[in-house]
Amino acid sequence: MSPSPHSVLVTIVERTRETGEAVTAREIALAIDASEAALDEPIDALCACDLLEATARGYRPTVTAHELLALDVDFEDVLVVDVVEE
């Protein structure tokens, strides 16, 4: 079973705040007790929603990810996000 995108995102945000560095899939897997292969789907989904950015050294949360987590919503609720082109 894959970890939830929410738990992956929270883990990446927390680790990035602690270290200031991008977080590798291995670090995420160890932090949430999952296999690296199980992270493929949630990480791909988070990148597709522009909540994560893949870098040469791992993954970084975007500004949008920080703003979303700051809303402190219950992720079992439905959340509608309006994408606005600039």
PDB file of N, CA and C in Angstrom:
ATOM      1  N   MET A   1       0.840  -1.185   0.000  1.00  0.00           N
ATOM      2  CA  MET A   1       0.000   0.000   0.000  1.00  0.00           C
ATOM      3  C   MET A   1       0.886   1.251   0.000  1.00  0.00           C
ATOM      4  N   SER A   2       0.557   2.178  -0.858  1.00  0.00           N
ATOM      5  CA  SER A   2       1.325   3.420  -0.959  1.00  0.00           C
ATOM      6  C   SER A   2       0.978   4.371   0.175  1.00  0.00           C
ATOM      7  N   PRO A   3       1.958   5.107   0.659  1.00  0.00           N
ATOM      8  CA  PRO A   3       1.655   6.136   1.657  1.00  0.00           C
ATOM      9  C   PRO A   3       0.819   7.239   1.015  1.00  0.00           C
ATOM     10  N   SER A   4       0.093   7.967   1.814  1.00  0.00           N
ATOM     11  CA  SER A   4      -0.746   9.036   1.276  1.00  0.00           C
ATOM     12  C   SER A   4       0.133  10.191   0.792  1.00  0.00           C
ATOM     13  N   PRO A   5      -0.317  10.873  -0.249  1.00  0.00           N
ATOM     14  CA  PRO A   5       0.425  12.051  -0.705  1.00  0.00           C
ATOM     15  C   PRO A   5       0.592  13.079   0.419  1.00  0.00           C
ATOM     16  N   HIS A   6      -0.425  13.187   1.273  1.00  0.00           N
ATOM     17  CA  HIS A   6      -0.343  14.145   2.381  1.00  0.00           C
ATOM     18  C   HIS A   6       0.819  13.812   3.312  1.00  0.00           C
ATOM     19  N   SER A   7       0.952  12.545   3.693  1.00  0.00           N
ATOM     20  CA  SER A   7       2.040  12.176   4.611  1.00  0.00           C
ATOM     21  C   SER A   7       3.403  12.384   3.953  1.00  0.00           C
ATOM     22  N   VAL A   8       3.496  12.122   2.655  1.00  0.00           N
ATOM     23  CA  VAL A   8       4.753  12.342   1.935  1.00  0.00           C
ATOM     24  C   VAL A   8       5.064  13.841   1.895  1.00  0.00           C
ATOM     25  N   LEU A   9       4.070  14.645   1.586  1.00  0.00           N
ATOM     26  CA  LEU A   9       4.280  16.099   1.505  1.00  0.00           C
ATOM     27  C   LEU A   9       4.693  16.672   2.858  1.00  0.00           C
ATOM     28  N   VAL A  10       4.010  16.285   3.903  1.00  0.00           N
ATOM     29  CA  VAL A  10       4.343  16.781   5.249  1.00  0.00           C
ATOM     30  C   VAL A  10       5.772  16.382   5.618  1.00  0.00           C
ATOM     31  N   THR A  11       6.139  15.161   5.321  1.00  0.00           N
ATOM     32  CA  THR A  11       7.491  14.690   5.624  1.00  0.00           C
ATOM     33  C   THR A  11       8.537  15.511   4.880  1.00  0.00           C
ATOM     34  N   ILE A  12       8.294  15.770   3.609  1.00  0.00           N
ATOM     35  CA  ILE A  12       9.252  16.544   2.816  1.00  0.00           C
ATOM     36  C   ILE A  12       9.350  17.977   3.328  1.00  0.00           C
ATOM     37  N   VAL A  13       8.226  18.586   3.637  1.00  0.00           N
ATOM     38  CA  VAL A  13       8.232  19.963   4.158  1.00  0.00           C
ATOM     39  C   VAL A  13       8.993  20.021   5.481  1.00  0.00           C
ATOM     40  N   GLU A  14       8.721  19.096   6.377  1.00  0.00           N
ATOM     41  CA  GLU A  14       9.391  19.100   7.687  1.00  0.00           C
ATOM     42  C   GLU A  14      10.895  18.891   7.536  1.00  0.00           C
ATOM     43  N   ARG A  15      11.308  17.922   6.695  1.00  0.00           N
ATOM     44  CA  ARG A  15      12.735  17.645   6.509  1.00  0.00           C
ATOM     45  C   ARG A  15      13.446  18.826   5.836  1.00  0.00           C
ATOM     46  N   THR A  16      12.765  19.466   4.887  1.00  0.00           N
ATOM     47  CA  THR A  16      13.361  20.620   4.216  1.00  0.00           C
ATOM     48  C   THR A  16      13.543  21.771   5.196  1.00  0.00           C
ATOM     49  N   ARG A  17      12.585  21.970   6.072  1.00  0.00           N
ATOM     50  CA  ARG A  17      12.712  23.025   7.086  1.00  0.00           C
ATOM     51  C   ARG A  17      13.867  22.743   8.036  1.00  0.00           C
ATOM     52  N   GLU A  18      14.047  21.464   8.399  1.00  0.00           N
ATOM     53  CA  GLU A  18      15.113  21.075   9.324  1.00  0.00           C
ATOM     54  C   GLU A  18      16.500  21.238   8.704  1.00  0.00           C
ATOM     55  N   THR A  19      16.645  20.812   7.450  1.00  0.00           N
ATOM     56  CA  THR A  19      17.973  20.754   6.847  1.00  0.00           C
ATOM     57  C   THR A  19      18.255  21.860   5.834  1.00  0.00           C
ATOM     58  N   GLY A  20      17.200  22.439   5.255  1.00  0.00           N
ATOM     59  CA  GLY A  20      17.384  23.425   4.206  1.00  0.00           C
ATOM     60  C   GLY A  20      17.774  22.800   2.872  1.00  0.00           C
ATOM     61  N   GLU A  21      17.776  21.495   2.806  1.00  0.00           N
ATOM     62  CA  GLU A  21      18.190  20.769   1.606  1.00  0.00           C
ATOM     63  C   GLU A  21      17.012  20.018   0.996  1.00  0.00           C
ATOM     64  N   ALA A  22      17.168  19.639  -0.275  1.00  0.00           N
ATOM     65  CA  ALA A  22      16.193  18.761  -0.921  1.00  0.00           C
ATOM     66  C   ALA A  22      16.204  17.410  -0.205  1.00  0.00           C
ATOM     67  N   VAL A  23      15.089  16.714  -0.269  1.00  0.00           N
ATOM     68  CA  VAL A  23      14.931  15.440   0.439  1.00  0.00           C
ATOM     69  C   VAL A  23      14.909  14.309  -0.579  1.00  0.00           C
ATOM     70  N   THR A  24      15.721  13.287  -0.354  1.00  0.00           N
ATOM     71  CA  THR A  24      15.771  12.157  -1.280  1.00  0.00           C
ATOM     72  C   THR A  24      14.630  11.186  -0.993  1.00  0.00           C
ATOM     73  N   ALA A  25      14.323  10.358  -1.990  1.00  0.00           N
ATOM     74  CA  ALA A  25      13.288   9.340  -1.817  1.00  0.00           C
ATOM     75  C   ALA A  25      13.673   8.382  -0.685  1.00  0.00           C
ATOM     76  N   ARG A  26      14.950   8.106  -0.553  1.00  0.00           N
ATOM     77  CA  ARG A  26      15.406   7.210   0.524  1.00  0.00           C
ATOM     78  C   ARG A  26      15.119   7.811   1.905  1.00  0.00           C
ATOM     79  N   GLU A  27      15.389   9.095   2.061  1.00  0.00           N
ATOM     80  CA  GLU A  27      15.110   9.769   3.335  1.00  0.00           C
ATOM     81  C   GLU A  27      13.617   9.742   3.659  1.00  0.00           C
ATOM     82  N   ILE A  28      12.795   9.981   2.643  1.00  0.00           N
ATOM     83  CA  ILE A  28      11.343   9.959   2.845  1.00  0.00           C
ATOM     84  C   ILE A  28      10.901   8.559   3.252  1.00  0.00           C
ATOM     85  N   ALA A  29      11.393   7.557   2.528  1.00  0.00           N
ATOM     86  CA  ALA A  29      11.021   6.167   2.813  1.00  0.00           C
ATOM     87  C   ALA A  29      11.375   5.782   4.247  1.00  0.00           C
ATOM     88  N   LEU A  30      12.556   6.158   4.688  1.00  0.00           N
ATOM     89  CA  LEU A  30      12.968   5.847   6.064  1.00  0.00           C
ATOM     90  C   LEU A  30      12.110   6.582   7.083  1.00  0.00           C
ATOM     91  N   ALA A  31      11.760   7.833   6.789  1.00  0.00           N
ATOM     92  CA  ALA A  31      10.990   8.645   7.733  1.00  0.00           C
ATOM     93  C   ALA A  31       9.566   8.135   7.915  1.00  0.00           C
ATOM     94  N   ILE A  32       8.975   7.580   6.857  1.00  0.00           N
ATOM     95  CA  ILE A  32       7.581   7.134   6.971  1.00  0.00           C
ATOM     96  C   ILE A  32       7.449   5.617   6.911  1.00  0.00           C
ATOM     97  N   ASP A  33       8.571   4.913   7.004  1.00  0.00           N
ATOM     98  CA  ASP A  33       8.595   3.455   7.033  1.00  0.00           C
ATOM     99  C   ASP A  33       7.872   2.852   5.829  1.00  0.00           C
ATOM    100  N   ALA A  34       8.339   3.239   4.642  1.00  0.00           N
ATOM    101  CA  ALA A  34       7.778   2.728   3.389  1.00  0.00           C
ATOM    102  C   ALA A  34       8.933   2.416   2.448  1.00  0.00           C
ATOM    103  N   SER A  35       8.648   1.663   1.419  1.00  0.00           N
ATOM    104  CA  SER A  35       9.682   1.386   0.423  1.00  0.00           C
ATOM    105  C   SER A  35       9.777   2.566  -0.540  1.00  0.00           C
ATOM    106  N   GLU A  36      10.938   2.722  -1.146  1.00  0.00           N
ATOM    107  CA  GLU A  36      11.107   3.793  -2.125  1.00  0.00           C
ATOM    108  C   GLU A  36      10.159   3.599  -3.307  1.00  0.00           C
ATOM    109  N   ALA A  37       9.930   2.357  -3.694  1.00  0.00           N
ATOM    110  CA  ALA A  37       9.023   2.067  -4.812  1.00  0.00           C
ATOM    111  C   ALA A  37       7.597   2.506  -4.494  1.00  0.00           C
ATOM    112  N   ALA A  38       7.201   2.409  -3.236  1.00  0.00           N
ATOM    113  CA  ALA A  38       5.846   2.815  -2.832  1.00  0.00           C
ATOM    114  C   ALA A  38       5.663   4.325  -2.915  1.00  0.00           C
ATOM    115  N   LEU A  39       6.754   5.069  -2.999  1.00  0.00           N
ATOM    116  CA  LEU A  39       6.684   6.526  -3.057  1.00  0.00           C
ATOM    117  C   LEU A  39       6.464   7.059  -4.470  1.00  0.00           C
ATOM    118  N   ASP A  40       6.675   6.230  -5.466  1.00  0.00           N
ATOM    119  CA  ASP A  40       6.573   6.686  -6.856  1.00  0.00           C
ATOM    120  C   ASP A  40       5.237   7.363  -7.146  1.00  0.00           C
ATOM    121  N   GLU A  41       4.149   6.699  -6.816  1.00  0.00           N
ATOM    122  CA  GLU A  41       2.819   7.239  -7.130  1.00  0.00           C
ATOM    123  C   GLU A  41       2.505   8.535  -6.385  1.00  0.00           C
ATOM    124  N   PRO A  42       2.673   8.584  -5.047  1.00  0.00           N
ATOM    125  CA  PRO A  42       2.368   9.851  -4.374  1.00  0.00           C
ATOM    126  C   PRO A  42       3.295  10.998  -4.775  1.00  0.00           C
ATOM    127  N   ILE A  43       4.566  10.715  -5.015  1.00  0.00           N
ATOM    128  CA  ILE A  43       5.494  11.770  -5.424  1.00  0.00           C
ATOM    129  C   ILE A  43       5.131  12.274  -6.812  1.00  0.00           C
ATOM    130  N   ASP A  44       4.810  11.362  -7.725  1.00  0.00           N
ATOM    131  CA  ASP A  44       4.402  11.778  -9.076  1.00  0.00           C
ATOM    132  C   ASP A  44       3.155  12.659  -9.009  1.00  0.00           C
ATOM    133  N   ALA A  45       2.196  12.289  -8.164  1.00  0.00           N
ATOM    134  CA  ALA A  45       0.963  13.073  -8.027  1.00  0.00           C
ATOM    135  C   ALA A  45       1.261  14.459  -7.456  1.00  0.00           C
ATOM    136  N   LEU A  46       2.138  14.538  -6.472  1.00  0.00           N
ATOM    137  CA  LEU A  46       2.486  15.823  -5.868  1.00  0.00           C
ATOM    138  C   LEU A  46       3.245  16.717  -6.857  1.00  0.00           C
ATOM    139  N   CYS A  47       4.104  16.125  -7.662  1.00  0.00           N
ATOM    140  CA  CYS A  47       4.818  16.895  -8.691  1.00  0.00           C
ATOM    141  C   CYS A  47       3.836  17.387  -9.754  1.00  0.00           C
ATOM    142  N   ALA A  48       2.885  16.535 -10.134  1.00  0.00           N
ATOM    143  CA  ALA A  48       1.902  16.914 -11.154  1.00  0.00           C
ATOM    144  C   ALA A  48       1.013  18.065 -10.686  1.00  0.00           C
ATOM    145  N   CYS A  49       0.811  18.167  -9.389  1.00  0.00           N
ATOM    146  CA  CYS A  49      -0.007  19.254  -8.825  1.00  0.00           C
ATOM    147  C   CYS A  49       0.827  20.477  -8.463  1.00  0.00           C
ATOM    148  N   ASP A  50       2.090  20.466  -8.826  1.00  0.00           N
ATOM    149  CA  ASP A  50       3.020  21.557  -8.514  1.00  0.00           C
ATOM    150  C   ASP A  50       3.171  21.802  -7.017  1.00  0.00           C
ATOM    151  N   LEU A  51       3.112  20.727  -6.247  1.00  0.00           N
ATOM    152  CA  LEU A  51       3.354  20.835  -4.812  1.00  0.00           C
ATOM    153  C   LEU A  51       4.789  20.432  -4.470  1.00  0.00           C
ATOM    154  N   LEU A  52       5.405  19.655  -5.364  1.00  0.00           N
ATOM    155  CA  LEU A  52       6.808  19.267  -5.208  1.00  0.00           C
ATOM    156  C   LEU A  52       7.558  19.598  -6.476  1.00  0.00           C
ATOM    157  N   GLU A  53       8.838  19.875  -6.290  1.00  0.00           N
ATOM    158  CA  GLU A  53       9.734  20.115  -7.411  1.00  0.00           C
ATOM    159  C   GLU A  53      10.869  19.100  -7.321  1.00  0.00           C
ATOM    160  N   ALA A  54      11.087  18.353  -8.395  1.00  0.00           N
ATOM    161  CA  ALA A  54      12.190  17.403  -8.439  1.00  0.00           C
ATOM    162  C   ALA A  54      13.467  18.158  -8.789  1.00  0.00           C
ATOM    163  N   THR A  55      14.529  17.894  -8.034  1.00  0.00           N
ATOM    164  CA  THR A  55      15.831  18.504  -8.295  1.00  0.00           C
ATOM    165  C   THR A  55      16.849  17.384  -8.461  1.00  0.00           C
ATOM    166  N   ALA A  56      18.062  17.740  -8.793  1.00  0.00           N
ATOM    167  CA  ALA A  56      19.120  16.745  -8.945  1.00  0.00           C
ATOM    168  C   ALA A  56      19.426  16.039  -7.621  1.00  0.00           C
ATOM    169  N   ARG A  57      19.128  16.679  -6.512  1.00  0.00           N
ATOM    170  CA  ARG A  57      19.437  16.116  -5.187  1.00  0.00           C
ATOM    171  C   ARG A  57      18.244  15.557  -4.440  1.00  0.00           C
ATOM    172  N   GLY A  58      17.061  15.645  -5.036  1.00  0.00           N
ATOM    173  CA  GLY A  58      15.878  15.125  -4.356  1.00  0.00           C
ATOM    174  C   GLY A  58      14.652  15.962  -4.666  1.00  0.00           C
ATOM    175  N   TYR A  59      13.809  16.150  -3.663  1.00  0.00           N
ATOM    176  CA  TYR A  59      12.558  16.875  -3.851  1.00  0.00           C
ATOM    177  C   TYR A  59      12.469  18.047  -2.886  1.00  0.00           C
ATOM    178  N   ARG A  60      11.891  19.130  -3.391  1.00  0.00           N
ATOM    179  CA  ARG A  60      11.659  20.329  -2.582  1.00  0.00           C
ATOM    180  C   ARG A  60      10.190  20.693  -2.683  1.00  0.00           C
ATOM    181  N   PRO A  61       9.602  21.128  -1.568  1.00  0.00           N
ATOM    182  CA  PRO A  61       8.219  21.612  -1.636  1.00  0.00           C
ATOM    183  C   PRO A  61       8.177  22.978  -2.309  1.00  0.00           C
ATOM    184  N   THR A  62       7.110  23.237  -3.008  1.00  0.00           N
ATOM    185  CA  THR A  62       6.933  24.537  -3.659  1.00  0.00           C
ATOM    186  C   THR A  62       6.271  25.504  -2.679  1.00  0.00           C
ATOM    187  N   VAL A  63       6.201  26.753  -3.077  1.00  0.00           N
ATOM    188  CA  VAL A  63       5.497  27.762  -2.279  1.00  0.00           C
ATOM    189  C   VAL A  63       4.040  27.343  -2.103  1.00  0.00           C
ATOM    190  N   THR A  64       3.461  26.790  -3.165  1.00  0.00           N
ATOM    191  CA  THR A  64       2.071  26.331  -3.107  1.00  0.00           C
ATOM    192  C   THR A  64       1.897  25.249  -2.046  1.00  0.00           C
ATOM    193  N   ALA A  65       2.861  24.364  -1.921  1.00  0.00           N
ATOM    194  CA  ALA A  65       2.791  23.309  -0.900  1.00  0.00           C
ATOM    195  C   ALA A  65       2.772  23.917   0.500  1.00  0.00           C
ATOM    196  N   HIS A  66       3.643  24.887   0.732  1.00  0.00           N
ATOM    197  CA  HIS A  66       3.679  25.552   2.038  1.00  0.00           C
ATOM    198  C   HIS A  66       2.350  26.264   2.319  1.00  0.00           C
ATOM    199  N   GLU A  67       1.803  26.928   1.299  1.00  0.00           N
ATOM    200  CA  GLU A  67       0.526  27.627   1.469  1.00  0.00           C
ATOM    201  C   GLU A  67      -0.610  26.644   1.746  1.00  0.00           C
ATOM    202  N   LEU A  68      -0.616  25.515   1.051  1.00  0.00           N
ATOM    203  CA  LEU A  68      -1.652  24.509   1.263  1.00  0.00           C
ATOM    204  C   LEU A  68      -1.597  23.957   2.682  1.00  0.00           C
ATOM    205  N   LEU A  69      -0.413  23.616   3.142  1.00  0.00           N
ATOM    206  CA  LEU A  69      -0.289  23.077   4.505  1.00  0.00           C
ATOM    207  C   LEU A  69      -0.611  24.125   5.559  1.00  0.00           C
ATOM    208  N   ALA A  70      -0.384  25.380   5.256  1.00  0.00           N
ATOM    209  CA  ALA A  70      -0.701  26.453   6.204  1.00  0.00           C
ATOM    210  C   ALA A  70      -2.206  26.606   6.401  1.00  0.00           C
ATOM    211  N   LEU A  71      -2.996  26.112   5.443  1.00  0.00           N
ATOM    212  CA  LEU A  71      -4.455  26.176   5.577  1.00  0.00           C
ATOM    213  C   LEU A  71      -4.962  25.278   6.702  1.00  0.00           C
ATOM    214  N   ASP A  72      -4.158  24.271   7.057  1.00  0.00           N
ATOM    215  CA  ASP A  72      -4.494  23.359   8.148  1.00  0.00           C
ATOM    216  C   ASP A  72      -5.873  22.718   7.952  1.00  0.00           C
ATOM    217  N   VAL A  73      -6.103  22.219   6.737  1.00  0.00           N
ATOM    218  CA  VAL A  73      -7.365  21.532   6.448  1.00  0.00           C
ATOM    219  C   VAL A  73      -7.234  20.054   6.762  1.00  0.00           C
ATOM    220  N   ASP A  74      -8.353  19.424   7.005  1.00  0.00           N
ATOM    221  CA  ASP A  74      -8.392  17.985   7.207  1.00  0.00           C
ATOM    222  C   ASP A  74      -8.376  17.350   5.825  1.00  0.00           C
ATOM    223  N   PHE A  75      -7.372  16.559   5.522  1.00  0.00           N
ATOM    224  CA  PHE A  75      -7.208  16.050   4.169  1.00  0.00           C
ATOM    225  C   PHE A  75      -8.173  14.922   3.822  1.00  0.00           C
ATOM    226  N   GLU A  76      -9.053  14.564   4.741  1.00  0.00           N
ATOM    227  CA  GLU A  76     -10.140  13.656   4.386  1.00  0.00           C
ATOM    228  C   GLU A  76     -11.312  14.447   3.834  1.00  0.00           C
ATOM    229  N   ASP A  77     -11.298  15.761   4.018  1.00  0.00           N
ATOM    230  CA  ASP A  77     -12.317  16.635   3.453  1.00  0.00           C
ATOM    231  C   ASP A  77     -11.972  16.920   1.998  1.00  0.00           C
ATOM    232  N   VAL A  78     -12.933  17.391   1.273  1.00  0.00           N
ATOM    233  CA  VAL A  78     -12.706  17.777  -0.115  1.00  0.00           C
ATOM    234  C   VAL A  78     -12.186  19.204  -0.132  1.00  0.00           C
ATOM    235  N   LEU A  79     -11.159  19.433  -0.912  1.00  0.00           N
ATOM    236  CA  LEU A  79     -10.573  20.761  -1.043  1.00  0.00           C
ATOM    237  C   LEU A  79     -10.528  21.106  -2.525  1.00  0.00           C
ATOM    238  N   VAL A  80     -11.116  22.210  -2.878  1.00  0.00           N
ATOM    239  CA  VAL A  80     -11.117  22.663  -4.261  1.00  0.00           C
ATOM    240  C   VAL A  80     -10.091  23.773  -4.410  1.00  0.00           C
ATOM    241  N   VAL A  81      -9.201  23.587  -5.368  1.00  0.00           N
ATOM    242  CA  VAL A  81      -8.161  24.570  -5.621  1.00  0.00           C
ATOM    243  C   VAL A  81      -8.384  25.147  -7.014  1.00  0.00           C
ATOM    244  N   ASP A  82      -8.429  26.457  -7.096  1.00  0.00           N
ATOM    245  CA  ASP A  82      -8.620  27.122  -8.381  1.00  0.00           C
ATOM    246  C   ASP A  82      -7.255  27.540  -8.913  1.00  0.00           C
ATOM    247  N   VAL A  83      -6.921  27.051 -10.080  1.00  0.00           N
ATOM    248  CA  VAL A  83      -5.641  27.366 -10.706  1.00  0.00           C
ATOM    249  C   VAL A  83      -5.840  28.616 -11.561  1.00  0.00           C
ATOM    250  N   VAL A  84      -5.041  29.630 -11.301  1.00  0.00           N
ATOM    251  CA  VAL A  84      -5.168  30.904 -12.007  1.00  0.00           C
ATOM    252  C   VAL A  84      -3.897  31.122 -12.821  1.00  0.00           C
ATOM    253  N   GLU A  85      -4.076  31.364 -14.104  1.00  0.00           N
ATOM    254  CA  GLU A  85      -2.943  31.658 -14.985  1.00  0.00           C
ATOM    255  C   GLU A  85      -2.594  33.132 -14.818  1.00  0.00           C
ATOM    256  N   GLU A  86      -1.307  33.432 -14.747  1.00  0.00           N
ATOM    257  CA  GLU A  86      -0.876  34.834 -14.632  1.00  0.00           C
ATOM    258  C   GLU A  86      -0.557  35.402 -15.978  1.00  0.00           C
TER     259      GLU A  86
END
